[in-house]
Amino acid sequence: MPPPTAPTVHLSWEAGAPSPELDEADLRAALAAMLERLGHGGAALAVLFADDARLRELNRAHRGLDRPTDVLSWSYAIPAGLERPAERAGPAESQAP
């Protein structure tokens, strides 16, 4: 079994967005540690810091709510029962007529 991969953390800021109190490296490390502790070591997390106008726009577009919000989140995990079928071990064999 291959070793687990470390979490990937992407951070981005839009113009006018407030800066967090932690520096970027500390924030990445804290978020990666959180993912590890929650059992999502191989996961990826993207965080966008934006001002109220942008958050209002995103909230309106994705939730139909015309107001700013503190957090919007999406999961890219495949829900249980909807996993993709296992890949075949080798190429399909063709039958000669």
PDB file of N, CA and C in Angstrom:
ATOM      1  N   MET A   1       0.849  -1.170   0.000  1.00  0.00           N
ATOM      2  CA  MET A   1       0.000   0.000   0.000  1.00  0.00           C
ATOM      3  C   MET A   1       0.898   1.238   0.000  1.00  0.00           C
ATOM      4  N   PRO A   2       0.634   2.211  -0.908  1.00  0.00           N
ATOM      5  CA  PRO A   2       1.482   3.410  -0.937  1.00  0.00           C
ATOM      6  C   PRO A   2       1.241   4.267   0.306  1.00  0.00           C
ATOM      7  N   PRO A   3       2.274   5.025   0.703  1.00  0.00           N
ATOM      8  CA  PRO A   3       2.092   5.867   1.892  1.00  0.00           C
ATOM      9  C   PRO A   3       1.055   6.956   1.624  1.00  0.00           C
ATOM     10  N   PRO A   4       0.336   7.381   2.672  1.00  0.00           N
ATOM     11  CA  PRO A   4      -0.674   8.430   2.477  1.00  0.00           C
ATOM     12  C   PRO A   4      -0.009   9.737   2.043  1.00  0.00           C
ATOM     13  N   THR A   5      -0.728  10.505   1.252  1.00  0.00           N
ATOM     14  CA  THR A   5      -0.192  11.791   0.816  1.00  0.00           C
ATOM     15  C   THR A   5      -0.615  12.875   1.799  1.00  0.00           C
ATOM     16  N   ALA A   6       0.172  13.928   1.845  1.00  0.00           N
ATOM     17  CA  ALA A   6      -0.144  15.058   2.729  1.00  0.00           C
ATOM     18  C   ALA A   6      -1.279  15.862   2.114  1.00  0.00           C
ATOM     19  N   PRO A   7      -2.058  16.520   2.939  1.00  0.00           N
ATOM     20  CA  PRO A   7      -3.132  17.362   2.410  1.00  0.00           C
ATOM     21  C   PRO A   7      -2.555  18.504   1.576  1.00  0.00           C
ATOM     22  N   THR A   8      -3.329  18.955   0.609  1.00  0.00           N
ATOM     23  CA  THR A   8      -2.963  20.103  -0.205  1.00  0.00           C
ATOM     24  C   THR A   8      -3.866  21.259   0.198  1.00  0.00           C
ATOM     25  N   VAL A   9      -3.268  22.400   0.506  1.00  0.00           N
ATOM     26  CA  VAL A   9      -4.033  23.575   0.918  1.00  0.00           C
ATOM     27  C   VAL A   9      -3.715  24.727  -0.028  1.00  0.00           C
ATOM     28  N   HIS A  10      -4.751  25.255  -0.685  1.00  0.00           N
ATOM     29  CA  HIS A  10      -4.620  26.404  -1.578  1.00  0.00           C
ATOM     30  C   HIS A  10      -5.285  27.604  -0.905  1.00  0.00           C
ATOM     31  N   LEU A  11      -4.575  28.711  -0.847  1.00  0.00           N
ATOM     32  CA  LEU A  11      -5.127  29.941  -0.274  1.00  0.00           C
ATOM     33  C   LEU A  11      -5.092  31.027  -1.328  1.00  0.00           C
ATOM     34  N   SER A  12      -6.157  31.825  -1.407  1.00  0.00           N
ATOM     35  CA  SER A  12      -6.153  32.967  -2.320  1.00  0.00           C
ATOM     36  C   SER A  12      -6.964  34.107  -1.722  1.00  0.00           C
ATOM     37  N   TRP A  13      -6.563  35.305  -2.077  1.00  0.00           N
ATOM     38  CA  TRP A  13      -7.215  36.510  -1.587  1.00  0.00           C
ATOM     39  C   TRP A  13      -7.671  37.350  -2.767  1.00  0.00           C
ATOM     40  N   GLU A  14      -8.890  37.850  -2.690  1.00  0.00           N
ATOM     41  CA  GLU A  14      -9.372  38.799  -3.688  1.00  0.00           C
ATOM     42  C   GLU A  14      -9.133  40.203  -3.158  1.00  0.00           C
ATOM     43  N   ALA A  15      -9.069  41.161  -4.058  1.00  0.00           N
ATOM     44  CA  ALA A  15      -8.856  42.552  -3.669  1.00  0.00           C
ATOM     45  C   ALA A  15      -9.906  42.964  -2.639  1.00  0.00           C
ATOM     46  N   GLY A  16      -9.478  43.645  -1.598  1.00  0.00           N
ATOM     47  CA  GLY A  16     -10.400  44.115  -0.573  1.00  0.00           C
ATOM     48  C   GLY A  16     -10.688  43.108   0.517  1.00  0.00           C
ATOM     49  N   ALA A  17     -10.194  41.876   0.367  1.00  0.00           N
ATOM     50  CA  ALA A  17     -10.455  40.846   1.376  1.00  0.00           C
ATOM     51  C   ALA A  17      -9.597  41.094   2.609  1.00  0.00           C
ATOM     52  N   PRO A  18     -10.164  40.878   3.793  1.00  0.00           N
ATOM     53  CA  PRO A  18      -9.358  41.035   5.000  1.00  0.00           C
ATOM     54  C   PRO A  18      -8.302  39.938   5.087  1.00  0.00           C
ATOM     55  N   SER A  19      -7.187  40.259   5.670  1.00  0.00           N
ATOM     56  CA  SER A  19      -6.112  39.289   5.854  1.00  0.00           C
ATOM     57  C   SER A  19      -6.296  38.583   7.202  1.00  0.00           C
ATOM     58  N   PRO A  20      -6.041  37.277   7.258  1.00  0.00           N
ATOM     59  CA  PRO A  20      -6.147  36.594   8.545  1.00  0.00           C
ATOM     60  C   PRO A  20      -5.007  37.029   9.462  1.00  0.00           C
ATOM     61  N   GLU A  21      -5.163  36.785  10.745  1.00  0.00           N
ATOM     62  CA  GLU A  21      -4.153  37.174  11.733  1.00  0.00           C
ATOM     63  C   GLU A  21      -2.885  36.323  11.629  1.00  0.00           C
ATOM     64  N   LEU A  22      -2.983  35.124  11.074  1.00  0.00           N
ATOM     65  CA  LEU A  22      -1.819  34.251  10.909  1.00  0.00           C
ATOM     66  C   LEU A  22      -1.114  34.553   9.598  1.00  0.00           C
ATOM     67  N   ASP A  23       0.200  34.288   9.544  1.00  0.00           N
ATOM     68  CA  ASP A  23       0.840  34.432   8.237  1.00  0.00           C
ATOM     69  C   ASP A  23       0.466  33.224   7.370  1.00  0.00           C
ATOM     70  N   GLU A  24       0.694  33.336   6.094  1.00  0.00           N
ATOM     71  CA  GLU A  24       0.215  32.328   5.145  1.00  0.00           C
ATOM     72  C   GLU A  24       0.760  30.933   5.430  1.00  0.00           C
ATOM     73  N   ALA A  25       2.039  30.822   5.757  1.00  0.00           N
ATOM     74  CA  ALA A  25       2.631  29.503   6.033  1.00  0.00           C
ATOM     75  C   ALA A  25       1.994  28.873   7.272  1.00  0.00           C
ATOM     76  N   ASP A  26       1.776  29.680   8.316  1.00  0.00           N
ATOM     77  CA  ASP A  26       1.143  29.155   9.534  1.00  0.00           C
ATOM     78  C   ASP A  26      -0.298  28.729   9.266  1.00  0.00           C
ATOM     79  N   LEU A  27      -1.014  29.516   8.455  1.00  0.00           N
ATOM     80  CA  LEU A  27      -2.398  29.176   8.126  1.00  0.00           C
ATOM     81  C   LEU A  27      -2.464  27.876   7.331  1.00  0.00           C
ATOM     82  N   ARG A  28      -1.585  27.718   6.332  1.00  0.00           N
ATOM     83  CA  ARG A  28      -1.534  26.463   5.571  1.00  0.00           C
ATOM     84  C   ARG A  28      -1.260  25.273   6.492  1.00  0.00           C
ATOM     85  N   ALA A  29      -0.285  25.436   7.378  1.00  0.00           N
ATOM     86  CA  ALA A  29       0.083  24.343   8.290  1.00  0.00           C
ATOM     87  C   ALA A  29      -1.084  23.987   9.208  1.00  0.00           C
ATOM     88  N   ALA A  30      -1.782  24.992   9.722  1.00  0.00           N
ATOM     89  CA  ALA A  30      -2.916  24.735  10.616  1.00  0.00           C
ATOM     90  C   ALA A  30      -4.039  24.015   9.880  1.00  0.00           C
ATOM     91  N   LEU A  31      -4.336  24.434   8.654  1.00  0.00           N
ATOM     92  CA  LEU A  31      -5.405  23.788   7.882  1.00  0.00           C
ATOM     93  C   LEU A  31      -5.019  22.365   7.482  1.00  0.00           C
ATOM     94  N   ALA A  32      -3.753  22.151   7.109  1.00  0.00           N
ATOM     95  CA  ALA A  32      -3.294  20.798   6.766  1.00  0.00           C
ATOM     96  C   ALA A  32      -3.376  19.889   7.993  1.00  0.00           C
ATOM     97  N   ALA A  33      -2.987  20.398   9.157  1.00  0.00           N
ATOM     98  CA  ALA A  33      -3.060  19.610  10.391  1.00  0.00           C
ATOM     99  C   ALA A  33      -4.513  19.263  10.719  1.00  0.00           C
ATOM    100  N   MET A  34      -5.424  20.209  10.484  1.00  0.00           N
ATOM    101  CA  MET A  34      -6.847  19.945  10.731  1.00  0.00           C
ATOM    102  C   MET A  34      -7.337  18.808   9.833  1.00  0.00           C
ATOM    103  N   LEU A  35      -6.975  18.861   8.540  1.00  0.00           N
ATOM    104  CA  LEU A  35      -7.389  17.798   7.620  1.00  0.00           C
ATOM    105  C   LEU A  35      -6.838  16.451   8.068  1.00  0.00           C
ATOM    106  N   GLU A  36      -5.570  16.416   8.445  1.00  0.00           N
ATOM    107  CA  GLU A  36      -4.950  15.171   8.928  1.00  0.00           C
ATOM    108  C   GLU A  36      -5.709  14.633  10.136  1.00  0.00           C
ATOM    109  N   ARG A  37      -5.998  15.506  11.084  1.00  0.00           N
ATOM    110  CA  ARG A  37      -6.669  15.092  12.326  1.00  0.00           C
ATOM    111  C   ARG A  37      -8.077  14.574  12.062  1.00  0.00           C
ATOM    112  N   LEU A  38      -8.730  15.113  11.035  1.00  0.00           N
ATOM    113  CA  LEU A  38     -10.071  14.660  10.672  1.00  0.00           C
ATOM    114  C   LEU A  38     -10.053  13.404   9.805  1.00  0.00           C
ATOM    115  N   GLY A  39      -8.848  12.896   9.506  1.00  0.00           N
ATOM    116  CA  GLY A  39      -8.740  11.680   8.708  1.00  0.00           C
ATOM    117  C   GLY A  39      -8.791  11.920   7.213  1.00  0.00           C
ATOM    118  N   HIS A  40      -8.489  13.139   6.788  1.00  0.00           N
ATOM    119  CA  HIS A  40      -8.507  13.485   5.362  1.00  0.00           C
ATOM    120  C   HIS A  40      -7.120  13.887   4.895  1.00  0.00           C
ATOM    121  N   GLY A  41      -6.132  13.079   5.231  1.00  0.00           N
ATOM    122  CA  GLY A  41      -4.743  13.389   4.909  1.00  0.00           C
ATOM    123  C   GLY A  41      -4.453  13.580   3.442  1.00  0.00           C
ATOM    124  N   GLY A  42      -5.130  12.897   2.564  1.00  0.00           N
ATOM    125  CA  GLY A  42      -4.873  13.028   1.143  1.00  0.00           C
ATOM    126  C   GLY A  42      -5.782  14.033   0.452  1.00  0.00           C
ATOM    127  N   ALA A  43      -6.547  14.781   1.227  1.00  0.00           N
ATOM    128  CA  ALA A  43      -7.537  15.701   0.663  1.00  0.00           C
ATOM    129  C   ALA A  43      -6.903  17.001   0.195  1.00  0.00           C
ATOM    130  N   ALA A  44      -7.690  17.762  -0.535  1.00  0.00           N
ATOM    131  CA  ALA A  44      -7.290  19.112  -0.941  1.00  0.00           C
ATOM    132  C   ALA A  44      -8.326  20.087  -0.397  1.00  0.00           C
ATOM    133  N   LEU A  45      -7.859  21.250   0.001  1.00  0.00           N
ATOM    134  CA  LEU A  45      -8.725  22.286   0.538  1.00  0.00           C
ATOM    135  C   LEU A  45      -8.339  23.600  -0.121  1.00  0.00           C
ATOM    136  N   ALA A  46      -9.316  24.307  -0.640  1.00  0.00           N
ATOM    137  CA  ALA A  46      -9.079  25.629  -1.221  1.00  0.00           C
ATOM    138  C   ALA A  46      -9.869  26.646  -0.414  1.00  0.00           C
ATOM    139  N   VAL A  47      -9.206  27.740  -0.034  1.00  0.00           N
ATOM    140  CA  VAL A  47      -9.839  28.793   0.743  1.00  0.00           C
ATOM    141  C   VAL A  47      -9.682  30.107  -0.014  1.00  0.00           C
ATOM    142  N   LEU A  48     -10.805  30.779  -0.204  1.00  0.00           N
ATOM    143  CA  LEU A  48     -10.806  32.090  -0.855  1.00  0.00           C
ATOM    144  C   LEU A  48     -11.224  33.120   0.177  1.00  0.00           C
ATOM    145  N   PHE A  49     -10.400  34.123   0.380  1.00  0.00           N
ATOM    146  CA  PHE A  49     -10.745  35.244   1.239  1.00  0.00           C
ATOM    147  C   PHE A  49     -11.268  36.340   0.324  1.00  0.00           C
ATOM    148  N   ALA A  50     -12.479  36.834   0.623  1.00  0.00           N
ATOM    149  CA  ALA A  50     -13.111  37.825  -0.243  1.00  0.00           C
ATOM    150  C   ALA A  50     -13.860  38.845   0.612  1.00  0.00           C
ATOM    151  N   ASP A  51     -14.186  39.969  -0.002  1.00  0.00           N
ATOM    152  CA  ASP A  51     -14.951  40.989   0.721  1.00  0.00           C
ATOM    153  C   ASP A  51     -16.436  40.651   0.680  1.00  0.00           C
ATOM    154  N   ASP A  52     -17.240  41.427   1.426  1.00  0.00           N
ATOM    155  CA  ASP A  52     -18.675  41.146   1.514  1.00  0.00           C
ATOM    156  C   ASP A  52     -19.377  41.183   0.164  1.00  0.00           C
ATOM    157  N   ALA A  53     -18.950  42.083  -0.732  1.00  0.00           N
ATOM    158  CA  ALA A  53     -19.609  42.180  -2.045  1.00  0.00           C
ATOM    159  C   ALA A  53     -19.427  40.877  -2.831  1.00  0.00           C
ATOM    160  N   ARG A  54     -18.216  40.320  -2.820  1.00  0.00           N
ATOM    161  CA  ARG A  54     -17.949  39.073  -3.547  1.00  0.00           C
ATOM    162  C   ARG A  54     -18.671  37.897  -2.885  1.00  0.00           C
ATOM    163  N   LEU A  55     -18.673  37.863  -1.553  1.00  0.00           N
ATOM    164  CA  LEU A  55     -19.365  36.781  -0.846  1.00  0.00           C
ATOM    165  C   LEU A  55     -20.866  36.847  -1.084  1.00  0.00           C
ATOM    166  N   ARG A  56     -21.403  38.051  -1.169  1.00  0.00           N
ATOM    167  CA  ARG A  56     -22.826  38.206  -1.483  1.00  0.00           C
ATOM    168  C   ARG A  56     -23.112  37.658  -2.881  1.00  0.00           C
ATOM    169  N   GLU A  57     -22.246  37.994  -3.836  1.00  0.00           N
ATOM    170  CA  GLU A  57     -22.401  37.515  -5.219  1.00  0.00           C
ATOM    171  C   GLU A  57     -22.363  35.985  -5.277  1.00  0.00           C
ATOM    172  N   LEU A  58     -21.403  35.378  -4.591  1.00  0.00           N
ATOM    173  CA  LEU A  58     -21.291  33.918  -4.580  1.00  0.00           C
ATOM    174  C   LEU A  58     -22.489  33.270  -3.884  1.00  0.00           C
ATOM    175  N   ASN A  59     -22.923  33.847  -2.777  1.00  0.00           N
ATOM    176  CA  ASN A  59     -24.059  33.313  -2.041  1.00  0.00           C
ATOM    177  C   ASN A  59     -25.330  33.382  -2.887  1.00  0.00           C
ATOM    178  N   ARG A  60     -25.502  34.484  -3.621  1.00  0.00           N
ATOM    179  CA  ARG A  60     -26.675  34.649  -4.493  1.00  0.00           C
ATOM    180  C   ARG A  60     -26.622  33.626  -5.635  1.00  0.00           C
ATOM    181  N   ALA A  61     -25.445  33.468  -6.242  1.00  0.00           N
ATOM    182  CA  ALA A  61     -25.305  32.552  -7.385  1.00  0.00           C
ATOM    183  C   ALA A  61     -25.483  31.085  -6.993  1.00  0.00           C
ATOM    184  N   HIS A  62     -24.970  30.692  -5.836  1.00  0.00           N
ATOM    185  CA  HIS A  62     -24.945  29.271  -5.478  1.00  0.00           C
ATOM    186  C   HIS A  62     -26.022  28.841  -4.489  1.00  0.00           C
ATOM    187  N   ARG A  63     -26.579  29.797  -3.745  1.00  0.00           N
ATOM    188  CA  ARG A  63     -27.587  29.419  -2.754  1.00  0.00           C
ATOM    189  C   ARG A  63     -28.887  30.184  -2.906  1.00  0.00           C
ATOM    190  N   GLY A  64     -28.906  31.170  -3.818  1.00  0.00           N
ATOM    191  CA  GLY A  64     -30.117  31.958  -4.012  1.00  0.00           C
ATOM    192  C   GLY A  64     -30.397  32.933  -2.886  1.00  0.00           C
ATOM    193  N   LEU A  65     -29.404  33.229  -2.063  1.00  0.00           N
ATOM    194  CA  LEU A  65     -29.564  34.145  -0.936  1.00  0.00           C
ATOM    195  C   LEU A  65     -28.814  35.437  -1.241  1.00  0.00           C
ATOM    196  N   ASP A  66     -29.524  36.540  -1.304  1.00  0.00           N
ATOM    197  CA  ASP A  66     -28.930  37.823  -1.687  1.00  0.00           C
ATOM    198  C   ASP A  66     -28.399  38.564  -0.462  1.00  0.00           C
ATOM    199  N   ARG A  67     -27.376  37.972   0.142  1.00  0.00           N
ATOM    200  CA  ARG A  67     -26.711  38.595   1.282  1.00  0.00           C
ATOM    201  C   ARG A  67     -25.315  37.983   1.420  1.00  0.00           C
ATOM    202  N   PRO A  68     -24.401  38.710   2.056  1.00  0.00           N
ATOM    203  CA  PRO A  68     -23.076  38.116   2.274  1.00  0.00           C
ATOM    204  C   PRO A  68     -23.163  36.976   3.286  1.00  0.00           C
ATOM    205  N   THR A  69     -22.151  36.165   3.328  1.00  0.00           N
ATOM    206  CA  THR A  69     -22.097  35.048   4.266  1.00  0.00           C
ATOM    207  C   THR A  69     -20.661  34.887   4.746  1.00  0.00           C
ATOM    208  N   ASP A  70     -20.471  34.188   5.837  1.00  0.00           N
ATOM    209  CA  ASP A  70     -19.123  33.954   6.356  1.00  0.00           C
ATOM    210  C   ASP A  70     -18.428  32.801   5.639  1.00  0.00           C
ATOM    211  N   VAL A  71     -19.203  31.768   5.296  1.00  0.00           N
ATOM    212  CA  VAL A  71     -18.603  30.555   4.732  1.00  0.00           C
ATOM    213  C   VAL A  71     -19.498  29.968   3.655  1.00  0.00           C
ATOM    214  N   LEU A  72     -18.907  29.610   2.537  1.00  0.00           N
ATOM    215  CA  LEU A  72     -19.549  28.774   1.520  1.00  0.00           C
ATOM    216  C   LEU A  72     -18.637  27.566   1.361  1.00  0.00           C
ATOM    217  N   SER A  73     -19.198  26.382   1.271  1.00  0.00           N
ATOM    218  CA  SER A  73     -18.353  25.204   1.129  1.00  0.00           C
ATOM    219  C   SER A  73     -18.978  24.211   0.166  1.00  0.00           C
ATOM    220  N   TRP A  74     -18.107  23.484  -0.510  1.00  0.00           N
ATOM    221  CA  TRP A  74     -18.512  22.435  -1.440  1.00  0.00           C
ATOM    222  C   TRP A  74     -17.644  21.228  -1.180  1.00  0.00           C
ATOM    223  N   SER A  75     -18.217  20.057  -1.300  1.00  0.00           N
ATOM    224  CA  SER A  75     -17.467  18.819  -1.170  1.00  0.00           C
ATOM    225  C   SER A  75     -17.303  18.213  -2.557  1.00  0.00           C
ATOM    226  N   TYR A  76     -16.121  17.744  -2.817  1.00  0.00           N
ATOM    227  CA  TYR A  76     -15.870  17.073  -4.093  1.00  0.00           C
ATOM    228  C   TYR A  76     -15.737  15.569  -3.907  1.00  0.00           C
ATOM    229  N   ALA A  77     -16.104  15.080  -2.725  1.00  0.00           N
ATOM    230  CA  ALA A  77     -16.063  13.644  -2.457  1.00  0.00           C
ATOM    231  C   ALA A  77     -17.193  12.962  -3.225  1.00  0.00           C
ATOM    232  N   ILE A  78     -16.961  11.756  -3.644  1.00  0.00           N
ATOM    233  CA  ILE A  78     -17.995  10.971  -4.310  1.00  0.00           C
ATOM    234  C   ILE A  78     -18.848  10.328  -3.210  1.00  0.00           C
ATOM    235  N   PRO A  79     -20.149  10.608  -3.178  1.00  0.00           N
ATOM    236  CA  PRO A  79     -21.003  10.040  -2.129  1.00  0.00           C
ATOM    237  C   PRO A  79     -20.986   8.515  -2.145  1.00  0.00           C
ATOM    238  N   ALA A  80     -21.158   7.916  -0.978  1.00  0.00           N
ATOM    239  CA  ALA A  80     -21.204   6.463  -0.865  1.00  0.00           C
ATOM    240  C   ALA A  80     -22.289   5.913  -1.783  1.00  0.00           C
ATOM    241  N   GLY A  81     -21.989   4.826  -2.446  1.00  0.00           N
ATOM    242  CA  GLY A  81     -22.949   4.201  -3.347  1.00  0.00           C
ATOM    243  C   GLY A  81     -22.838   4.711  -4.779  1.00  0.00           C
ATOM    244  N   LEU A  82     -22.069   5.786  -4.981  1.00  0.00           N
ATOM    245  CA  LEU A  82     -21.897   6.324  -6.331  1.00  0.00           C
ATOM    246  C   LEU A  82     -20.457   6.198  -6.817  1.00  0.00           C
ATOM    247  N   GLU A  83     -19.679   5.328  -6.167  1.00  0.00           N
ATOM    248  CA  GLU A  83     -18.302   5.143  -6.578  1.00  0.00           C
ATOM    249  C   GLU A  83     -18.252   4.671  -8.023  1.00  0.00           C
ATOM    250  N   ARG A  84     -17.191   5.037  -8.687  1.00  0.00           N
ATOM    251  CA  ARG A  84     -17.004   4.576 -10.068  1.00  0.00           C
ATOM    252  C   ARG A  84     -16.689   3.088 -10.056  1.00  0.00           C
ATOM    253  N   PRO A  85     -17.122   2.360 -11.086  1.00  0.00           N
ATOM    254  CA  PRO A  85     -16.798   0.932 -11.137  1.00  0.00           C
ATOM    255  C   PRO A  85     -15.285   0.732 -11.225  1.00  0.00           C
ATOM    256  N   ALA A  86     -14.823  -0.349 -10.674  1.00  0.00           N
ATOM    257  CA  ALA A  86     -13.383  -0.640 -10.701  1.00  0.00           C
ATOM    258  C   ALA A  86     -12.911  -0.793 -12.144  1.00  0.00           C
ATOM    259  N   GLU A  87     -11.710  -0.317 -12.376  1.00  0.00           N
ATOM    260  CA  GLU A  87     -11.122  -0.454 -13.718  1.00  0.00           C
ATOM    261  C   GLU A  87     -10.818  -1.921 -13.969  1.00  0.00           C
ATOM    262  N   ARG A  88     -10.916  -2.319 -15.206  1.00  0.00           N
ATOM    263  CA  ARG A  88     -10.585  -3.707 -15.545  1.00  0.00           C
ATOM    264  C   ARG A  88      -9.090  -3.930 -15.384  1.00  0.00           C
ATOM    265  N   ALA A  89      -8.741  -5.134 -15.068  1.00  0.00           N
ATOM    266  CA  ALA A  89      -7.330  -5.466 -14.836  1.00  0.00           C
ATOM    267  C   ALA A  89      -6.506  -5.350 -16.104  1.00  0.00           C
ATOM    268  N   GLY A  90      -7.077  -5.571 -17.254  1.00  0.00           N
ATOM    269  CA  GLY A  90      -6.330  -5.512 -18.511  1.00  0.00           C
ATOM    270  C   GLY A  90      -7.246  -5.111 -19.642  1.00  0.00           C
ATOM    271  N   PRO A  91      -6.694  -5.012 -20.843  1.00  0.00           N
ATOM    272  CA  PRO A  91      -7.531  -4.634 -21.973  1.00  0.00           C
ATOM    273  C   PRO A  91      -8.567  -5.712 -22.278  1.00  0.00           C
ATOM    274  N   ALA A  92      -9.681  -5.271 -22.810  1.00  0.00           N
ATOM    275  CA  ALA A  92     -10.746  -6.229 -23.162  1.00  0.00           C
ATOM    276  C   ALA A  92     -10.238  -7.121 -24.278  1.00  0.00           C
ATOM    277  N   GLU A  93     -10.594  -8.398 -24.186  1.00  0.00           N
ATOM    278  CA  GLU A  93     -10.171  -9.342 -25.231  1.00  0.00           C
ATOM    279  C   GLU A  93     -11.188  -9.323 -26.360  1.00  0.00           C
ATOM    280  N   SER A  94     -10.703  -9.297 -27.584  1.00  0.00           N
ATOM    281  CA  SER A  94     -11.623  -9.333 -28.719  1.00  0.00           C
ATOM    282  C   SER A  94     -11.768 -10.770 -29.191  1.00  0.00           C
ATOM    283  N   GLN A  95     -12.927 -11.108 -29.631  1.00  0.00           N
ATOM    284  CA  GLN A  95     -13.198 -12.449 -30.125  1.00  0.00           C
ATOM    285  C   GLN A  95     -13.066 -12.431 -31.644  1.00  0.00           C
ATOM    286  N   ALA A  96     -12.227 -13.287 -32.196  1.00  0.00           N
ATOM    287  CA  ALA A  96     -12.077 -13.377 -33.666  1.00  0.00           C
ATOM    288  C   ALA A  96     -13.249 -14.169 -34.216  1.00  0.00           C
ATOM    289  N   PRO A  97     -13.816 -13.718 -35.360  1.00  0.00           N
ATOM    290  CA  PRO A  97     -14.957 -14.455 -35.943  1.00  0.00           C
ATOM    291  C   PRO A  97     -14.565 -15.803 -36.450  1.00  0.00           C
TER     292      PRO A  97
END
